[in-house]
C-alpha cells in the first residue's frame, strides 16, 4: 500500500465509527495491522468527517476504493490494528482527490 501525503500527527484518540466528528479538519487515518510497517488502508477526512476510503484487497493487486474499501477496512480492524491520524492542509486534500477520485463516496467531498 502506498503512503499518503505526510501531515502533522494527531495525538488524540481516534474513533472511526460512522458519523463521528474527528478532532481535525482535513487529513487521513491510516490502518496498520499487527506489527506491520506498511499500511493496510487509509481513510480520508474532510471537514472533520471520514469521506473516502482506500484499502488493500484480500486477493489480487487492484486497490479497493469507496464503499468496498470501507467494508474491507472494517473487516480488517476486527483483528489487532493501530490507527495513525495525520492532519493535512486543504490543498493536500485536493491533491489526493485529484489522484484517487474513486476513494470518495460522494463527488462533493472531493473538493480540496
Protein backbone atom coordinates (compact mmCIF):
# COMPACT_ATOMS: atom_id res chain seq x y z
CA UNK A 1 0.00 0.00 0.00
CA UNK A 2 1.26 3.47 -0.80
CA UNK A 3 1.67 6.34 1.63
CA UNK A 4 -0.49 9.43 1.51
CA UNK A 5 0.87 12.98 1.97
CA UNK A 6 2.67 13.48 5.23
CA UNK A 7 0.95 15.84 7.63
CA UNK A 8 1.01 16.88 11.25
CA UNK A 9 0.48 13.90 13.59
CA UNK A 10 -2.80 13.91 15.53
CA UNK A 11 -2.26 12.72 19.09
CA UNK A 12 -5.93 12.48 20.11
CA UNK A 13 -7.59 9.09 20.34
CA UNK A 14 -9.32 8.34 17.05
CA UNK A 15 -12.83 6.91 16.77
CA UNK A 16 -13.64 5.77 13.22
CA UNK A 17 -17.30 4.92 13.86
CA UNK A 18 -19.83 6.20 11.32
CA UNK A 19 -20.92 9.79 11.91
CA UNK A 20 -18.18 10.70 14.39
CA UNK A 21 -16.70 14.19 14.10
CA UNK A 22 -12.91 13.97 14.27
CA UNK A 23 -10.63 16.41 16.14
CA UNK A 24 -9.04 17.73 12.91
CA UNK A 25 -10.43 19.27 9.71
CA UNK A 26 -8.62 17.55 6.83
CA UNK A 27 -6.27 14.59 6.74
CA UNK A 28 -6.01 10.84 6.80
CA UNK A 29 -6.32 7.94 9.19
CA UNK A 30 -4.08 5.03 8.26
CA UNK A 31 -4.70 1.46 9.42
CA UNK A 32 -1.75 -0.81 10.21
CA UNK A 33 -2.37 -4.47 11.03
CA UNK A 34 -0.45 -6.12 13.85
CA UNK A 35 3.21 -5.15 13.77
CA UNK A 36 3.31 -4.37 10.05
CA UNK A 37 5.04 -1.19 8.98
CA UNK A 38 3.11 -0.90 5.71
CA UNK A 39 -0.41 0.45 5.65
CA UNK A 40 -3.40 -1.80 5.02
CA UNK A 41 -5.70 1.10 4.23
CA UNK A 42 -6.47 4.77 4.55
CA UNK A 43 -9.49 6.85 5.47
CA UNK A 44 -9.63 10.36 4.02
CA UNK A 45 -11.02 13.11 6.25
CA UNK A 46 -12.67 16.32 5.08
CA UNK A 47 -14.35 18.84 7.41
CA UNK A 48 -13.85 16.51 10.37
CA UNK A 49 -15.64 13.53 8.81
CA UNK A 50 -14.42 10.43 7.01
CA UNK A 51 -15.41 10.87 3.36
CA UNK A 52 -13.14 8.46 1.47
CA UNK A 53 -11.54 5.03 1.82
CA UNK A 54 -8.68 3.12 0.17
CA UNK A 55 -7.76 -0.44 1.17
CA UNK A 56 -5.66 -3.35 0.00
CA UNK A 57 -7.71 -6.26 -1.36
CA UNK A 58 -7.92 -9.73 0.16
CA UNK A 59 -6.68 -11.16 -3.16
CA UNK A 60 -5.18 -9.56 -6.22
CA UNK A 61 -3.34 -6.31 -6.73
CA UNK A 62 -6.10 -3.81 -7.51
CA UNK A 63 -6.78 -1.45 -4.60
CA UNK A 64 -10.29 -1.14 -3.26
CA UNK A 65 -11.85 2.33 -3.13
CA UNK A 66 -15.01 3.85 -1.74
CA UNK A 67 -17.64 1.63 -0.15
CA UNK A 68 -15.75 -1.62 -0.93
CA UNK A 69 -12.66 -0.24 0.82
CA UNK A 70 -14.74 0.89 3.81
CA UNK A 71 -16.14 -2.63 4.23
CA UNK A 72 -12.67 -4.16 3.83
CA UNK A 73 -11.18 -1.85 6.49
CA UNK A 74 -13.99 -2.68 8.91
CA UNK A 75 -13.31 -6.40 8.44
CA UNK A 76 -9.53 -5.96 8.80
CA UNK A 77 -9.91 -3.96 12.00
CA UNK A 78 -11.59 -6.84 13.81
CA UNK A 79 -8.06 -8.14 14.43
CA UNK A 80 -5.27 -6.28 16.23
CA UNK A 81 -4.57 -3.00 14.48
CA UNK A 82 -3.41 0.54 15.09
CA UNK A 83 -4.62 3.81 13.65
CA UNK A 84 -2.36 6.73 12.80
CA UNK A 85 -4.01 10.08 12.05
CA UNK A 86 -2.41 12.99 10.24
CA UNK A 87 -3.84 16.46 9.63
CA UNK A 88 -3.42 17.95 6.15
CA UNK A 89 -3.85 21.33 4.56
CA UNK A 90 -6.83 21.79 2.30
CA UNK A 91 -4.54 21.80 -0.75
CA UNK A 92 -3.08 18.41 0.24
CA UNK A 93 -6.63 17.04 0.43
CA UNK A 94 -7.29 18.45 -3.04
CA UNK A 95 -4.15 16.78 -4.40
CA UNK A 96 -5.28 13.38 -3.11
CA UNK A 97 -8.77 13.92 -4.56
CA UNK A 98 -7.25 14.57 -7.99
CA UNK A 99 -5.19 11.37 -7.91
CA UNK A 100 -7.74 8.92 -6.45
CA UNK A 101 -11.25 10.34 -7.01
CA UNK A 102 -12.63 6.78 -6.75
CA UNK A 103 -11.91 6.80 -3.00
CA UNK A 104 -14.70 9.28 -2.29
CA UNK A 105 -18.27 8.13 -1.76
CA UNK A 106 -19.76 11.47 -2.90
CA UNK A 107 -18.26 13.71 -5.58
CA UNK A 108 -18.92 16.84 -3.49
CA UNK A 109 -16.36 15.60 -0.94
CA UNK A 110 -13.51 15.71 -3.46
CA UNK A 111 -13.11 19.47 -3.25
CA UNK A 112 -9.91 20.46 -1.55
